[in-house]
Amino acid sequence: MSIMIIRRVFVNGAKNFARSGSVTFATVLIMTVTLAIVGLLIFLSAILTNTLVAIKDKVDVNVYFVTTAAEGEIIALQNKIADLPEVERVSYTTREEALTAFKARHATDELTLQALAELGDNPLGASLSIKAKDPGEYEGIVKYLSDNPSTGTDGKSIVDRVNYFQNKIVIDRLTAAIRATEQAGVIIVILFAFASAVIAFATVRLAIYTAREEIGVMRLMGASNAYIRGPFIVAGILAGVLASVLVLLLFYPLSWYVGGAFSGWLGGFNVFTYYVSHFALFFSILTGSGFFLGGVASWFAVRKYLRV
């Protein structure tokens, strides 16, 4: 195909797009809705990911030590646990820090503070807070602690208790929720993508239906399939790209409003900040989707009228 013919295809495609009027408007409108759904799925995925990360960050396993445990023995165990590949971090809380935190939590409880003062000594032991890279790995960490007991100079265990079994139900539910959310997210994306493609195809096909007689005349005059199909594909691509631009412009004020109004409800996640910082991602996905939907839908829609 020569450069002149290619140029003519693009010019005719732009003319078809401009002169179709209400049909072009309907096509762009449907594609705008379609791409808006795609964009909202990106937002939804980001919100769910942020929520799950926030929940995961609040789940941990604590190892509480007897009051006679030496600090050096505790730190030695802390270093061993930190070296495990499934561990993200280990935080050490001294007896003094535990006592200070206890007093702060019960600052308004005079009876408890009075009973603590009468003891005359710190009854709280030190502790380690273990954060795993994945909630499903806590069981392996606890098994390591069980298989490798830490003992003091007297041969007795320096570990008083591990709160994993109290948190096990929460950890198991969180792990199941994460897996279910990931699977549901994939299914939702596939369903919406399929529905969007079908709607876009039907709309583009309606636009091409209005030009069926023109296509028939061109076929009788000996025009090639590529020459006939080209302008419609160009018009479809223009509709898709225009729809993506409209969605990108629409998301700016919408994300700004939602980001300011619902940031507290979303655990501090700001939709507007996410949109601005990931604009290149939105631009590439939405523009690419519009280009693909418009071009492919037009290619398939015009096939029916190319048969002799």
Protein backbone atom coordinates (compact mmCIF):
# COMPACT_ATOMS: atom_id res chain seq x y z
CA MET A 1 0.00 0.00 0.00
CA SER A 2 1.52 3.31 -1.13
CA ILE A 3 1.97 6.36 1.09
CA MET A 4 -0.73 8.21 -0.86
CA ILE A 5 -3.26 5.43 -0.24
CA ILE A 6 -2.32 5.26 3.45
CA ARG A 7 -2.78 9.01 3.70
CA ARG A 8 -6.15 8.75 1.98
CA VAL A 9 -7.20 6.00 4.41
CA PHE A 10 -6.36 8.21 7.40
CA VAL A 11 -8.09 11.25 5.87
CA ASN A 12 -11.22 9.25 5.05
CA GLY A 13 -11.18 7.74 8.53
CA ALA A 14 -11.06 11.19 10.11
CA LYS A 15 -13.90 12.34 7.83
CA ASN A 16 -16.00 9.29 8.74
CA PHE A 17 -15.41 10.02 12.40
CA ALA A 18 -16.38 13.68 12.06
CA ARG A 19 -19.42 13.33 9.79
CA SER A 20 -21.12 10.40 11.56
CA GLY A 21 -22.64 12.81 14.08
CA SER A 22 -24.91 11.08 16.56
CA VAL A 23 -23.46 7.64 15.82
CA THR A 24 -19.94 8.88 16.56
CA PHE A 25 -21.22 10.53 19.75
CA ALA A 26 -22.84 7.25 20.84
CA THR A 27 -19.67 5.31 20.08
CA VAL A 28 -17.49 7.71 22.06
CA LEU A 29 -20.00 7.74 24.92
CA ILE A 30 -20.12 3.95 25.20
CA MET A 31 -16.34 3.70 24.96
CA THR A 32 -16.01 6.41 27.62
CA VAL A 33 -18.19 4.36 29.97
CA THR A 34 -16.21 1.24 29.08
CA LEU A 35 -12.84 2.86 29.76
CA ALA A 36 -14.18 4.51 32.92
CA ILE A 37 -14.98 1.03 34.21
CA VAL A 38 -11.42 -0.05 33.40
CA GLY A 39 -10.06 2.98 35.26
CA LEU A 40 -12.31 2.36 38.27
CA LEU A 41 -11.03 -1.20 38.43
CA ILE A 42 -7.49 0.20 38.69
CA PHE A 43 -8.60 2.43 41.57
CA LEU A 44 -10.41 -0.48 43.22
CA SER A 45 -7.34 -2.69 42.95
CA ALA A 46 -5.18 0.02 44.55
CA ILE A 47 -7.66 0.57 47.40
CA LEU A 48 -7.94 -3.15 48.13
CA THR A 49 -4.17 -3.58 48.02
CA ASN A 50 -3.66 -0.65 50.40
CA THR A 51 -6.34 -1.97 52.78
CA LEU A 52 -4.86 -5.45 52.85
CA VAL A 53 -1.36 -4.10 53.41
CA ALA A 54 -2.63 -1.98 56.32
CA ILE A 55 -4.37 -5.00 57.87
CA LYS A 56 -1.33 -7.22 57.35
CA ASP A 57 0.86 -4.62 59.04
CA LYS A 58 -1.27 -4.83 62.20
CA VAL A 59 -0.92 -8.60 62.51
CA ASP A 60 2.14 -9.96 64.27
CA VAL A 61 3.35 -12.61 66.72
CA ASN A 62 4.71 -11.65 70.12
CA VAL A 63 7.16 -13.67 72.17
CA TYR A 64 6.99 -12.86 75.88
CA PHE A 65 9.93 -13.68 78.14
CA VAL A 66 10.17 -14.54 81.82
CA THR A 67 11.27 -11.66 84.04
CA THR A 68 14.56 -13.39 84.80
CA ALA A 69 15.62 -13.61 81.14
CA ALA A 70 18.91 -11.81 80.47
CA GLU A 71 18.90 -9.10 77.82
CA GLY A 72 21.82 -10.71 76.00
CA GLU A 73 19.90 -13.99 75.67
CA ILE A 74 16.87 -12.17 74.30
CA ILE A 75 18.94 -10.21 71.77
CA ALA A 76 20.65 -13.44 70.67
CA LEU A 77 17.22 -14.97 69.96
CA GLN A 78 16.14 -11.77 68.20
CA ASN A 79 19.11 -12.02 65.80
CA LYS A 80 18.34 -15.68 65.04
CA ILE A 81 14.71 -14.91 64.26
CA ALA A 82 15.64 -11.87 62.14
CA ASP A 83 17.84 -14.13 59.97
CA LEU A 84 14.87 -16.32 59.00
CA PRO A 85 13.95 -15.69 55.31
CA GLU A 86 10.22 -15.38 56.09
CA VAL A 87 10.72 -12.67 58.72
CA GLU A 88 10.41 -9.01 57.71
CA ARG A 89 11.46 -7.44 61.02
CA VAL A 90 11.75 -8.12 64.76
CA SER A 91 11.18 -5.40 67.38
CA TYR A 92 12.52 -5.69 70.93
CA THR A 93 10.60 -4.21 73.87
CA THR A 94 12.49 -4.06 77.18
CA ARG A 95 10.88 -4.63 80.58
CA GLU A 96 11.08 -0.90 81.31
CA GLU A 97 9.41 0.00 78.01
CA ALA A 98 6.68 -2.57 78.65
CA LEU A 99 6.05 -1.08 82.11
CA THR A 100 5.89 2.46 80.72
CA ALA A 101 3.41 1.40 78.02
CA PHE A 102 1.31 -0.45 80.62
CA LYS A 103 1.10 2.63 82.82
CA ALA A 104 0.12 4.79 79.83
CA ARG A 105 -2.68 2.40 78.87
CA HIS A 106 -4.04 2.42 82.43
CA ALA A 107 -3.43 6.09 83.20
CA THR A 108 -7.05 6.57 84.29
CA ASP A 109 -7.28 3.31 86.23
CA GLU A 110 -6.20 4.29 89.74
CA LEU A 111 -6.86 0.84 91.20
CA THR A 112 -4.57 -0.89 88.73
CA LEU A 113 -1.80 1.67 89.18
CA GLN A 114 -2.06 1.38 92.97
CA ALA A 115 -1.80 -2.42 92.79
CA LEU A 116 1.24 -2.08 90.52
CA ALA A 117 2.91 0.31 92.97
CA GLU A 118 2.34 -2.09 95.87
CA LEU A 119 4.22 -4.83 94.06
CA GLY A 120 7.38 -2.76 94.35
CA ASP A 121 8.96 -4.46 91.34
CA ASN A 122 8.34 -4.61 87.60
CA PRO A 123 6.17 -7.70 87.00
CA LEU A 124 6.39 -7.44 83.22
CA GLY A 125 8.87 -9.27 81.08
CA ALA A 126 10.54 -8.19 77.85
CA SER A 127 9.05 -9.20 74.51
CA LEU A 128 9.79 -9.57 70.80
CA SER A 129 7.30 -8.49 68.14
CA ILE A 130 7.79 -10.57 64.97
CA LYS A 131 6.48 -9.31 61.63
CA ALA A 132 6.38 -11.89 58.82
CA LYS A 133 6.57 -11.05 55.13
CA ASP A 134 3.33 -12.97 54.63
CA PRO A 135 0.65 -13.89 57.21
CA GLY A 136 0.79 -17.50 56.07
CA GLU A 137 4.39 -17.80 57.30
CA TYR A 138 3.69 -17.20 61.00
CA GLU A 139 3.06 -20.88 61.64
CA GLY A 140 6.54 -21.75 60.34
CA ILE A 141 8.10 -19.09 62.59
CA VAL A 142 6.31 -20.44 65.66
CA LYS A 143 7.39 -23.97 64.74
CA TYR A 144 11.00 -22.74 64.57
CA LEU A 145 10.65 -21.31 68.11
CA SER A 146 9.18 -24.59 69.31
CA ASP A 147 11.89 -26.72 67.65
CA ASN A 148 14.70 -24.45 68.87
CA PRO A 149 13.88 -23.61 72.52
CA SER A 150 15.92 -20.82 74.10
CA THR A 151 17.22 -21.53 77.58
CA GLY A 152 19.02 -19.45 80.18
CA THR A 153 22.10 -20.26 82.22
CA ASP A 154 19.95 -22.33 84.57
CA GLY A 155 18.80 -24.56 81.72
CA LYS A 156 15.21 -23.35 81.88
CA SER A 157 13.31 -21.78 78.98
CA ILE A 158 13.45 -17.99 78.88
CA VAL A 159 10.22 -17.85 76.83
CA ASP A 160 7.09 -17.39 78.93
CA ARG A 161 4.52 -17.60 76.11
CA VAL A 162 3.88 -16.93 72.41
CA ASN A 163 0.59 -15.30 71.44
CA TYR A 164 0.37 -16.95 68.02
CA PHE A 165 -2.45 -19.27 69.01
CA GLN A 166 -4.55 -16.33 70.24
CA ASN A 167 -4.00 -14.60 66.88
CA LYS A 168 -4.21 -17.73 64.74
CA ILE A 169 -7.89 -17.28 63.85
CA VAL A 170 -7.29 -13.67 62.78
CA ILE A 171 -4.18 -14.64 60.79
CA ASP A 172 -5.95 -17.54 59.04
CA ARG A 173 -8.95 -15.35 58.17
CA LEU A 174 -6.69 -12.61 56.84
CA THR A 175 -4.74 -15.08 54.71
CA ALA A 176 -7.99 -16.48 53.29
CA ALA A 177 -9.34 -12.97 52.68
CA ILE A 178 -6.21 -11.95 50.78
CA ARG A 179 -6.38 -15.00 48.53
CA ALA A 180 -10.12 -14.61 47.94
CA THR A 181 -9.72 -10.89 47.13
CA GLU A 182 -6.93 -11.56 44.65
CA GLN A 183 -8.96 -14.28 42.91
CA ALA A 184 -12.13 -12.19 42.88
CA GLY A 185 -10.20 -9.21 41.49
CA VAL A 186 -8.94 -11.26 38.54
CA ILE A 187 -12.44 -12.62 37.82
CA ILE A 188 -14.01 -9.13 38.02
CA VAL A 189 -11.42 -7.67 35.65
CA ILE A 190 -11.98 -10.47 33.12
CA LEU A 191 -15.79 -10.15 33.27
CA PHE A 192 -15.78 -6.37 32.92
CA ALA A 193 -13.18 -6.49 30.14
CA PHE A 194 -15.29 -9.02 28.22
CA ALA A 195 -18.52 -7.05 28.74
CA SER A 196 -16.80 -3.82 27.74
CA ALA A 197 -15.41 -5.39 24.56
CA VAL A 198 -18.85 -6.73 23.59
CA ILE A 199 -20.53 -3.35 24.16
CA ALA A 200 -17.84 -1.49 22.26
CA PHE A 201 -18.04 -3.98 19.38
CA ALA A 202 -21.83 -3.65 19.16
CA THR A 203 -21.63 0.16 19.13
CA VAL A 204 -18.92 0.28 16.46
CA ARG A 205 -20.83 -2.25 14.40
CA LEU A 206 -23.88 0.01 14.54
CA ALA A 207 -21.75 2.89 13.25
CA ILE A 208 -20.46 0.78 10.37
CA TYR A 209 -23.98 -0.49 9.60
CA THR A 210 -24.95 3.03 8.52
CA ALA A 211 -22.22 2.90 5.88
CA ARG A 212 -23.00 -0.59 4.53
CA GLU A 213 -24.19 0.70 1.15
CA GLU A 214 -21.04 2.75 0.75
CA ILE A 215 -18.98 -0.35 1.49
CA GLY A 216 -20.96 -2.33 -1.10
CA VAL A 217 -20.31 0.28 -3.78
CA MET A 218 -16.59 0.31 -3.00
CA ARG A 219 -16.49 -3.49 -3.25
CA LEU A 220 -18.19 -3.37 -6.68
CA MET A 221 -15.62 -0.81 -7.83
CA GLY A 222 -12.83 -3.22 -6.98
CA ALA A 223 -11.48 -1.61 -3.79
CA SER A 224 -9.35 -3.93 -1.68
CA ASN A 225 -10.47 -5.13 1.73
CA ALA A 226 -7.63 -3.23 3.40
CA TYR A 227 -8.61 0.02 1.69
CA ILE A 228 -12.27 -0.38 2.67
CA ARG A 229 -11.54 -1.46 6.23
CA GLY A 230 -8.81 1.14 6.88
CA PRO A 231 -10.98 4.29 7.34
CA PHE A 232 -13.34 2.47 9.72
CA ILE A 233 -10.43 1.22 11.81
CA VAL A 234 -9.01 4.76 11.93
CA ALA A 235 -12.42 6.12 12.98
CA GLY A 236 -12.70 3.44 15.67
CA ILE A 237 -9.23 4.23 17.00
CA LEU A 238 -10.06 7.94 17.08
CA ALA A 239 -13.21 7.17 19.06
CA GLY A 240 -11.25 5.03 21.51
CA VAL A 241 -8.46 7.56 21.99
CA LEU A 242 -10.93 10.44 22.42
CA ALA A 243 -12.85 8.38 24.99
CA SER A 244 -9.63 7.68 26.91
CA VAL A 245 -8.77 11.40 26.98
CA LEU A 246 -12.26 12.22 28.29
CA VAL A 247 -11.92 9.60 31.03
CA LEU A 248 -8.48 10.90 32.03
CA LEU A 249 -9.87 14.44 32.28
CA LEU A 250 -12.93 13.22 34.19
CA PHE A 251 -10.85 11.30 36.72
CA TYR A 252 -8.89 14.42 37.74
CA PRO A 253 -11.73 16.32 39.52
CA LEU A 254 -13.44 13.09 40.56
CA SER A 255 -10.33 11.66 42.25
CA TRP A 256 -9.65 15.07 43.83
CA TYR A 257 -13.10 15.11 45.44
CA VAL A 258 -13.01 11.46 46.55
CA GLY A 259 -9.44 11.81 47.82
CA GLY A 260 -10.35 14.72 50.06
CA ALA A 261 -13.70 13.38 51.25
CA PHE A 262 -12.93 9.71 51.83
CA SER A 263 -9.23 9.60 52.71
CA GLY A 264 -10.08 8.92 56.37
CA TRP A 265 -12.46 6.11 55.43
CA LEU A 266 -9.78 4.49 53.28
CA GLY A 267 -7.17 4.31 56.03
CA GLY A 268 -5.28 7.39 54.85
CA PHE A 269 -5.18 6.27 51.23
CA ASN A 270 -5.63 9.34 49.01
CA VAL A 271 -7.16 8.50 45.63
CA PHE A 272 -6.11 11.83 44.09
CA THR A 273 -2.48 11.44 45.18
CA TYR A 274 -2.47 7.92 43.75
CA TYR A 275 -3.95 9.12 40.45
CA VAL A 276 -1.41 11.93 40.04
CA SER A 277 1.57 9.75 40.97
CA HIS A 278 0.39 6.91 38.70
CA PHE A 279 -0.91 9.06 35.84
CA ALA A 280 1.48 7.42 33.37
CA LEU A 281 -0.04 4.04 34.30
CA PHE A 282 -3.60 5.31 33.79
CA PHE A 283 -2.64 7.03 30.54
CA SER A 284 -0.96 3.97 29.05
CA ILE A 285 -3.69 1.51 30.10
CA LEU A 286 -6.68 3.67 29.13
CA THR A 287 -5.19 4.98 25.88
CA GLY A 288 -3.96 1.51 24.93
CA SER A 289 -7.36 0.00 25.77
CA GLY A 290 -9.17 2.68 23.75
CA PHE A 291 -6.83 2.18 20.79
CA PHE A 292 -7.25 -1.60 20.99
CA LEU A 293 -11.03 -1.62 21.50
CA GLY A 294 -11.70 0.90 18.74
CA GLY A 295 -9.35 -0.70 16.23
CA VAL A 296 -10.16 -4.36 16.86
CA ALA A 297 -13.92 -3.78 17.19
CA SER A 298 -13.93 -1.92 13.85
CA TRP A 299 -11.85 -4.62 12.19
CA PHE A 300 -14.30 -7.35 13.22
CA ALA A 301 -17.43 -5.26 12.69
CA VAL A 302 -16.64 -4.45 9.05
CA ARG A 303 -15.89 -8.08 8.12
CA LYS A 304 -19.54 -8.86 7.51
CA TYR A 305 -19.78 -6.27 4.74
CA LEU A 306 -16.58 -7.37 2.99
CA ARG A 307 -18.00 -10.74 1.96
CA VAL A 308 -18.93 -10.91 -1.72
